[in-house]
Amino acid sequence: MAISTIGPFLASSKSNDGHGAVARRRLSSALRLTTALTAAMLATGAAASELPTGGTVVDGVADIVYGDNSVTIHQGSDRVIIEWDTFNVGEGSRVDFIQEDFMAALNRV
């Protein structure tokens, strides 16, 4: 029996016990799901530039400045708590915290 492995799935070109059909269905389902997720990411622009979203200062003082490929947080108090909807930093993107040595920032996602 010829066997090959693709990710966590097992595909078999021949099988006497009928398990090859199950493996092929699982592989087919996984490929459809991967294709759908990739298309969704490209449609939303997630692959192009990932940055934190929905930053809200809930305690302390800070300004959050969004740029094309960056987010800069200027901290104005010794402690700050920021709640984020997401906190992703994609390739080519950056997040900078501007703060003094004695300052601390707590980021909740």
Protein backbone atom coordinates (compact mmCIF):
# COMPACT_ATOMS: atom_id res chain seq x y z
CA MET A 1 0.00 0.00 0.00
CA ALA A 2 1.42 3.46 -0.94
CA ILE A 3 1.04 6.02 1.86
CA SER A 4 1.87 9.70 2.00
CA THR A 5 1.36 12.22 4.78
CA ILE A 6 0.05 15.74 4.22
CA GLY A 7 0.00 17.73 7.47
CA PRO A 8 -1.95 15.80 10.10
CA PHE A 9 -3.86 13.84 7.43
CA LEU A 10 -3.02 10.47 5.95
CA ALA A 11 -3.69 9.83 2.27
CA SER A 12 -3.52 6.38 0.71
CA SER A 13 -3.59 5.53 -2.98
CA LYS A 14 -4.73 1.95 -2.33
CA SER A 15 -6.36 0.37 0.63
CA ASN A 16 -8.04 -2.96 1.13
CA ASP A 17 -9.79 -1.91 4.32
CA GLY A 18 -11.70 1.16 3.03
CA HIS A 19 -9.82 3.66 5.22
CA GLY A 20 -8.30 5.34 2.15
CA ALA A 21 -11.65 6.88 1.23
CA VAL A 22 -12.03 8.36 4.72
CA ALA A 23 -8.52 9.85 4.55
CA ARG A 24 -9.22 11.34 1.12
CA ARG A 25 -12.47 12.94 2.37
CA ARG A 26 -10.64 14.44 5.37
CA LEU A 27 -7.89 15.76 3.12
CA SER A 28 -10.43 17.22 0.71
CA SER A 29 -12.30 18.92 3.59
CA ALA A 30 -9.04 20.33 4.98
CA LEU A 31 -8.04 21.75 1.60
CA ARG A 32 -11.46 23.38 1.13
CA LEU A 33 -11.26 24.94 4.61
CA THR A 34 -7.71 26.23 4.00
CA THR A 35 -8.76 27.73 0.68
CA ALA A 36 -11.79 29.42 2.25
CA LEU A 37 -9.75 30.87 5.14
CA THR A 38 -7.06 32.18 2.79
CA ALA A 39 -9.68 33.83 0.58
CA ALA A 40 -11.32 35.43 3.62
CA MET A 41 -7.99 36.80 4.87
CA LEU A 42 -7.17 38.27 1.47
CA ALA A 43 -10.65 39.79 1.14
CA THR A 44 -10.35 41.54 4.51
CA GLY A 45 -6.76 42.66 3.92
CA ALA A 46 -5.51 40.73 6.96
CA ALA A 47 -2.53 39.35 5.06
CA ALA A 48 -1.40 42.77 3.80
CA SER A 49 -0.92 44.65 7.08
CA GLU A 50 -1.79 43.31 10.50
CA LEU A 51 -1.87 45.79 13.36
CA PRO A 52 -3.55 45.99 16.77
CA THR A 53 -7.16 47.20 16.60
CA GLY A 54 -9.65 48.74 18.99
CA GLY A 55 -7.17 50.16 21.51
CA THR A 56 -8.99 51.81 24.43
CA VAL A 57 -7.23 53.35 27.43
CA VAL A 58 -9.17 52.17 30.49
CA ASP A 59 -6.79 53.48 33.17
CA GLY A 60 -3.97 56.02 33.05
CA VAL A 61 -3.07 58.38 30.21
CA ALA A 62 -1.92 57.43 26.71
CA ASP A 63 -2.43 58.51 23.12
CA ILE A 64 -2.75 55.80 20.47
CA VAL A 65 -1.72 56.93 16.99
CA TYR A 66 -2.51 54.70 13.99
CA GLY A 67 -0.32 55.00 10.88
CA ASP A 68 -0.36 53.10 7.60
CA ASN A 69 1.87 50.26 8.87
CA SER A 70 2.35 51.24 12.50
CA VAL A 71 0.72 51.95 15.82
CA THR A 72 2.46 54.26 18.30
CA ILE A 73 1.41 54.53 21.94
CA HIS A 74 2.60 57.69 23.72
CA GLN A 75 2.28 56.97 27.42
CA GLY A 76 1.58 60.01 29.63
CA SER A 77 1.26 58.43 33.10
CA ASP A 78 3.47 56.06 35.10
CA ARG A 79 0.93 53.23 34.59
CA VAL A 80 -1.57 52.62 31.84
CA ILE A 81 -4.03 49.84 31.00
CA ILE A 82 -5.07 49.45 27.37
CA GLU A 83 -7.72 47.01 26.15
CA TRP A 84 -7.41 45.84 22.53
CA ASP A 85 -9.87 44.03 20.26
CA THR A 86 -6.88 42.34 18.55
CA PHE A 87 -3.12 42.63 18.95
CA ASN A 88 -1.52 41.31 15.77
CA VAL A 89 1.72 42.62 14.32
CA GLY A 90 2.25 41.44 10.75
CA GLU A 91 5.41 41.39 8.68
CA GLY A 92 6.43 44.95 7.76
CA SER A 93 4.28 46.43 10.55
CA ARG A 94 5.41 47.81 13.89
CA VAL A 95 4.09 48.83 17.30
CA ASP A 96 6.04 51.35 19.39
CA PHE A 97 5.49 52.23 23.04
CA ILE A 98 6.96 55.63 23.89
CA GLN A 99 7.50 55.68 27.68
CA GLU A 100 9.99 56.65 30.36
CA ASP A 101 12.08 54.02 32.18
CA PHE A 102 9.81 54.00 35.23
CA MET A 103 6.56 53.56 33.27
CA ALA A 104 4.58 50.33 32.82
CA ALA A 105 1.84 49.39 30.35
CA LEU A 106 -0.63 46.53 30.73
CA ASN A 107 -2.17 45.42 27.44
CA ARG A 108 -5.31 43.28 27.52
CA VAL A 109 -6.60 41.46 24.48
